[in-house]
Amino acid sequence: DRDNELKSFQVLHANGCAPRLYCTFQNGICYEYMQGDALGTQDVRDPSLLRLIAGEMARVHAIHAHNGCIPKPNLWIKMQKYFSLVATEIQKEVPSKELLEQEMLWMKEHLSTLGSPVVLCHNDLLCKNIIHNSKDAHVRFIDYEYSSYNYQAFDIGNHFNEFAGMAELDYGLYPSPEMQMDWLRFYLQAYKLFTKKTEEVSAKELETLYVQVNKFALASHFFWGFWALIQAKYSSIDFDFLRYAVLRFNQYFKIKPTVMALQIPE
């Protein structure tokens, strides 16, 4: 959605989170060169970079660009749209369309009640979309094609899923509970700073966000699984999208029992 990308880009630039936009054309945009290096799966685990990434995501999430209106999350609308584009007859390696729809509806019913705030999200924070400027000691995000208002926990959970990479998925790289807690603590500290809240991060806040994030990571698997099935049918890019979709759905069903056993603290 290039129109949406342009709008998001303008808002993010106005808030110091994106480079200067030079021009747009039919199916793309041209923006200021961003000095730095794109990160890899090992970089996002680095304690110093991890803190910078958490802080930058908090800065994006703290942007209020909805003019006083209560924003609605885009997740379920977009996921339903992707699902509708998936072929009725899908490859045998993929769960049936009936089962996928059943799980999607279950997720919407369950995850919508978790109380995750709706904020301006990147929604596609894979490693290569993070640029690290070592000279100035900061990170910035690029590629806002999927940005929209969405659940805070989805954006974070989606980023945690991206620790596994893309070309060769390795979910053994998914951040440990300890690493997640460090990341989430840095995030909450920064988010409170950007939203002008002065209280300390409580253990309950931290545990609540941990549960929300890991549950919304399930939705991330489904979202990109549907996306990959569509790409497998229409894309000319040399990439095994079908295998990628199968791996995302498999990971969803593998971790679902453990994740759903997590409880938000009273």
Protein backbone atom coordinates (compact mmCIF):
# COMPACT_ATOMS: atom_id res chain seq x y z
CA ASP A 1 0.00 0.00 0.00
CA ARG A 2 2.17 2.84 -1.30
CA ASP A 3 -0.30 5.58 -0.34
CA ASN A 4 -0.30 4.36 3.24
CA GLU A 5 3.49 4.10 3.18
CA LEU A 6 3.74 7.72 2.04
CA LYS A 7 1.40 8.98 4.78
CA SER A 8 3.25 7.03 7.44
CA PHE A 9 6.58 8.24 6.11
CA GLN A 10 5.49 11.87 6.34
CA VAL A 11 4.24 11.46 9.91
CA LEU A 12 7.39 9.63 10.98
CA HIS A 13 9.66 12.23 9.34
CA ALA A 14 7.77 15.03 11.08
CA ASN A 15 8.56 13.29 14.37
CA GLY A 16 12.23 12.67 13.60
CA CYS A 17 11.84 8.93 12.97
CA ALA A 18 12.35 8.84 9.19
CA PRO A 19 14.64 10.57 6.67
CA ARG A 20 13.61 13.38 4.32
CA LEU A 21 11.32 12.37 1.48
CA TYR A 22 12.45 13.72 -1.91
CA CYS A 23 9.81 12.50 -4.35
CA THR A 24 7.26 9.82 -5.12
CA PHE A 25 6.47 7.99 -8.32
CA GLN A 26 3.97 5.38 -9.49
CA ASN A 27 5.17 2.47 -7.40
CA GLY A 28 7.84 3.82 -5.11
CA ILE A 29 9.41 6.67 -3.21
CA CYS A 30 12.83 8.33 -3.12
CA TYR A 31 14.17 9.42 0.24
CA GLU A 32 17.33 10.70 1.87
CA TYR A 33 20.22 8.25 2.22
CA MET A 34 20.46 6.95 5.76
CA GLN A 35 24.03 6.49 6.97
CA GLY A 36 24.68 3.15 8.66
CA ASP A 37 24.51 -0.61 8.32
CA ALA A 38 21.50 -2.89 8.02
CA LEU A 39 21.43 -5.35 10.92
CA GLY A 40 21.52 -9.15 10.86
CA THR A 41 20.16 -11.82 13.17
CA GLN A 42 23.21 -11.70 15.43
CA ASP A 43 23.20 -7.90 15.64
CA VAL A 44 19.68 -7.66 17.09
CA ARG A 45 20.84 -9.84 20.00
CA ASP A 46 23.70 -7.50 20.90
CA PRO A 47 22.86 -5.95 24.31
CA SER A 48 23.82 -2.42 23.26
CA LEU A 49 21.89 -2.58 19.97
CA LEU A 50 18.96 -4.30 21.60
CA ARG A 51 18.54 -1.31 23.88
CA LEU A 52 18.68 1.14 20.96
CA ILE A 53 16.09 -0.84 18.98
CA ALA A 54 13.71 -1.01 21.93
CA GLY A 55 14.06 2.73 22.46
CA GLU A 56 13.46 3.57 18.80
CA MET A 57 10.35 1.40 18.66
CA ALA A 58 9.07 3.15 21.78
CA ARG A 59 9.65 6.50 20.07
CA VAL A 60 7.58 5.43 17.05
CA HIS A 61 4.83 4.01 19.25
CA ALA A 62 4.60 7.28 21.19
CA ILE A 63 3.70 9.30 18.08
CA HIS A 64 0.13 10.60 18.14
CA ALA A 65 -1.01 11.33 14.60
CA HIS A 66 -4.72 10.50 14.80
CA ASN A 67 -5.99 14.01 15.62
CA GLY A 68 -7.80 12.98 18.76
CA CYS A 69 -9.67 10.07 17.17
CA ILE A 70 -9.36 6.66 18.78
CA PRO A 71 -7.31 4.62 16.28
CA LYS A 72 -8.40 1.11 15.36
CA PRO A 73 -5.94 -1.75 14.86
CA ASN A 74 -5.35 -2.78 11.28
CA LEU A 75 -4.33 -6.36 12.09
CA TRP A 76 -7.62 -8.21 11.71
CA ILE A 77 -8.74 -6.24 8.65
CA LYS A 78 -5.44 -6.91 6.89
CA MET A 79 -5.29 -10.54 7.95
CA GLN A 80 -8.84 -11.16 6.73
CA LYS A 81 -7.96 -9.51 3.42
CA TYR A 82 -4.91 -11.73 3.01
CA PHE A 83 -6.95 -14.81 3.95
CA SER A 84 -9.54 -13.96 1.28
CA LEU A 85 -6.76 -13.91 -1.34
CA VAL A 86 -5.45 -17.35 -0.41
CA ALA A 87 -6.50 -19.97 -2.97
CA THR A 88 -9.34 -22.29 -1.94
CA GLU A 89 -7.27 -25.30 -2.94
CA ILE A 90 -3.92 -24.96 -1.21
CA GLN A 91 -0.93 -27.26 -1.16
CA LYS A 92 -1.15 -30.32 1.08
CA GLU A 93 1.81 -29.14 3.20
CA VAL A 94 -0.31 -26.19 4.37
CA PRO A 95 -3.11 -26.61 6.93
CA SER A 96 -6.59 -26.60 5.38
CA LYS A 97 -8.20 -23.25 4.69
CA GLU A 98 -11.00 -24.20 7.10
CA LEU A 99 -8.53 -24.77 9.93
CA LEU A 100 -6.67 -21.56 9.14
CA GLU A 101 -9.90 -19.57 9.25
CA GLN A 102 -10.89 -21.23 12.51
CA GLU A 103 -7.57 -20.31 14.11
CA MET A 104 -7.71 -16.77 12.76
CA LEU A 105 -11.15 -16.18 14.27
CA TRP A 106 -10.03 -17.72 17.56
CA MET A 107 -7.02 -15.40 17.68
CA LYS A 108 -9.14 -12.34 17.00
CA GLU A 109 -11.51 -13.25 19.82
CA HIS A 110 -8.76 -14.03 22.31
CA LEU A 111 -6.02 -11.51 21.53
CA SER A 112 -8.39 -8.54 21.24
CA THR A 113 -9.18 -8.90 24.95
CA LEU A 114 -5.57 -8.70 26.17
CA GLY A 115 -5.61 -4.91 26.56
CA SER A 116 -2.65 -4.13 24.32
CA PRO A 117 -2.67 -0.41 23.40
CA VAL A 118 -3.20 0.57 19.77
CA VAL A 119 -0.26 2.67 18.58
CA LEU A 120 1.47 3.67 15.35
CA CYS A 121 3.42 0.54 14.37
CA HIS A 122 6.07 -0.39 11.83
CA ASN A 123 4.62 -3.93 11.49
CA ASP A 124 7.58 -5.32 9.53
CA LEU A 125 10.64 -4.83 11.70
CA LEU A 126 12.86 -7.53 10.29
CA CYS A 127 16.58 -7.17 10.87
CA LYS A 128 17.36 -5.60 7.49
CA ASN A 129 14.83 -2.84 8.15
CA ILE A 130 16.94 -1.56 11.05
CA ILE A 131 19.84 0.77 10.19
CA HIS A 132 22.55 1.26 12.80
CA ASN A 133 24.71 4.37 12.68
CA SER A 134 27.66 3.44 14.89
CA LYS A 135 29.17 6.92 14.64
CA ASP A 136 26.11 8.61 16.13
CA ALA A 137 25.13 5.56 18.23
CA HIS A 138 21.53 5.35 17.07
CA VAL A 139 19.25 3.15 15.01
CA ARG A 140 16.51 4.11 12.57
CA PHE A 141 13.88 2.01 10.84
CA ILE A 142 13.21 1.88 7.09
CA ASP A 143 10.53 0.44 4.77
CA TYR A 144 7.19 1.63 6.13
CA GLU A 145 5.05 -0.18 3.55
CA TYR A 146 3.15 -2.13 6.23
CA SER A 147 3.00 0.58 8.88
CA SER A 148 -0.38 1.37 10.40
CA TYR A 149 -2.13 1.67 13.73
CA ASN A 150 -1.92 -1.70 15.38
CA TYR A 151 -1.48 -3.44 18.69
CA GLN A 152 1.70 -2.47 20.51
CA ALA A 153 2.33 -6.12 21.41
CA PHE A 154 2.01 -7.23 17.78
CA ASP A 155 4.81 -4.92 16.63
CA ILE A 156 7.12 -6.18 19.37
CA GLY A 157 6.15 -9.85 18.99
CA ASN A 158 6.61 -9.60 15.24
CA HIS A 159 10.11 -8.18 15.76
CA PHE A 160 10.96 -11.03 18.15
CA ASN A 161 9.87 -13.54 15.49
CA GLU A 162 12.28 -11.85 13.08
CA PHE A 163 15.21 -12.87 15.29
CA ALA A 164 14.87 -16.19 13.42
CA GLY A 165 15.82 -14.58 10.10
CA MET A 166 14.02 -15.10 6.81
CA ALA A 167 16.10 -16.95 4.21
CA GLU A 168 16.77 -19.82 6.64
CA LEU A 169 14.37 -19.64 9.56
CA ASP A 170 15.90 -20.72 12.87
CA TYR A 171 13.46 -20.36 15.75
CA GLY A 172 16.20 -21.43 18.11
CA LEU A 173 17.20 -17.77 17.79
CA TYR A 174 13.88 -16.53 19.21
CA PRO A 175 14.88 -14.39 22.20
CA SER A 176 14.96 -16.18 25.55
CA PRO A 177 12.63 -15.02 28.33
CA GLU A 178 15.58 -13.26 29.96
CA MET A 179 16.51 -11.42 26.77
CA GLN A 180 12.88 -10.49 26.20
CA MET A 181 12.58 -9.09 29.71
CA ASP A 182 15.65 -6.92 29.17
CA TRP A 183 14.27 -5.71 25.82
CA LEU A 184 10.81 -5.01 27.24
CA ARG A 185 12.21 -3.18 30.27
CA PHE A 186 14.23 -0.88 28.00
CA TYR A 187 11.14 -0.40 25.83
CA LEU A 188 8.83 0.49 28.73
CA GLN A 189 11.37 2.89 30.22
CA ALA A 190 11.67 4.69 26.88
CA TYR A 191 7.92 4.61 26.20
CA LYS A 192 7.22 6.24 29.56
CA LEU A 193 9.83 8.89 28.79
CA PHE A 194 8.36 9.69 25.36
CA THR A 195 4.78 9.74 26.71
CA LYS A 196 5.84 11.91 29.67
CA LYS A 197 5.03 9.41 32.40
CA THR A 198 7.28 9.56 35.40
CA GLU A 199 6.54 6.37 37.34
CA GLU A 200 8.99 3.48 37.39
CA VAL A 201 8.38 0.35 35.33
CA SER A 202 6.64 -2.12 37.63
CA ALA A 203 7.10 -5.89 37.67
CA LYS A 204 3.41 -6.28 36.81
CA GLU A 205 3.71 -4.00 33.76
CA LEU A 206 6.72 -5.95 32.56
CA GLU A 207 5.08 -9.34 33.01
CA THR A 208 1.87 -8.13 31.35
CA LEU A 209 3.72 -6.91 28.28
CA TYR A 210 5.71 -10.16 28.13
CA VAL A 211 2.51 -12.21 27.99
CA GLN A 212 0.85 -9.88 25.47
CA VAL A 213 3.89 -9.89 23.19
CA ASN A 214 4.27 -13.66 23.10
CA LYS A 215 0.58 -14.16 22.39
CA PHE A 216 0.59 -11.58 19.59
CA ALA A 217 3.67 -13.32 18.15
CA LEU A 218 1.19 -16.07 17.22
CA ALA A 219 -0.74 -13.58 15.08
CA SER A 220 2.51 -12.54 13.41
CA HIS A 221 3.08 -16.12 12.25
CA PHE A 222 -0.38 -16.23 10.70
CA PHE A 223 -0.14 -12.79 9.11
CA TRP A 224 3.11 -13.55 7.30
CA GLY A 225 2.02 -17.11 6.58
CA PHE A 226 -0.97 -15.77 4.62
CA TRP A 227 1.26 -13.17 2.97
CA ALA A 228 3.70 -15.87 1.86
CA LEU A 229 0.92 -18.03 0.36
CA ILE A 230 -0.17 -15.06 -1.75
CA GLN A 231 3.42 -14.36 -2.78
CA ALA A 232 3.87 -18.03 -3.72
CA LYS A 233 1.07 -17.65 -6.22
CA TYR A 234 1.79 -14.22 -7.68
CA SER A 235 5.37 -13.13 -6.97
CA SER A 236 8.19 -13.39 -9.52
CA ILE A 237 10.85 -13.11 -6.79
CA ASP A 238 13.18 -16.10 -6.56
CA PHE A 239 12.25 -17.25 -3.06
CA ASP A 240 10.49 -20.36 -1.75
CA PHE A 241 7.44 -18.58 -0.35
CA LEU A 242 5.49 -21.82 0.07
CA ARG A 243 8.17 -23.31 2.30
CA TYR A 244 8.29 -20.07 4.27
CA ALA A 245 4.50 -20.17 4.80
CA VAL A 246 4.65 -23.80 5.96
CA LEU A 247 7.40 -22.98 8.47
CA ARG A 248 5.44 -20.01 9.87
CA PHE A 249 2.24 -22.04 10.31
CA ASN A 250 4.18 -24.96 11.79
CA GLN A 251 5.79 -22.67 14.35
CA TYR A 252 2.38 -21.25 15.27
CA PHE A 253 0.93 -24.67 16.05
CA LYS A 254 4.13 -25.77 17.81
CA ILE A 255 4.25 -22.90 20.31
CA LYS A 256 0.52 -22.23 20.71
CA PRO A 257 -0.04 -24.55 23.75
CA THR A 258 2.93 -23.09 25.66
CA VAL A 259 2.08 -19.49 24.80
CA MET A 260 -1.59 -19.85 25.65
CA ALA A 261 -0.67 -21.18 29.09
CA LEU A 262 0.84 -17.77 29.91
CA GLN A 263 -1.40 -15.66 32.12
CA ILE A 264 -1.53 -11.90 32.55
CA PRO A 265 -0.90 -11.12 36.24
CA GLU A 266 -3.85 -10.05 38.37
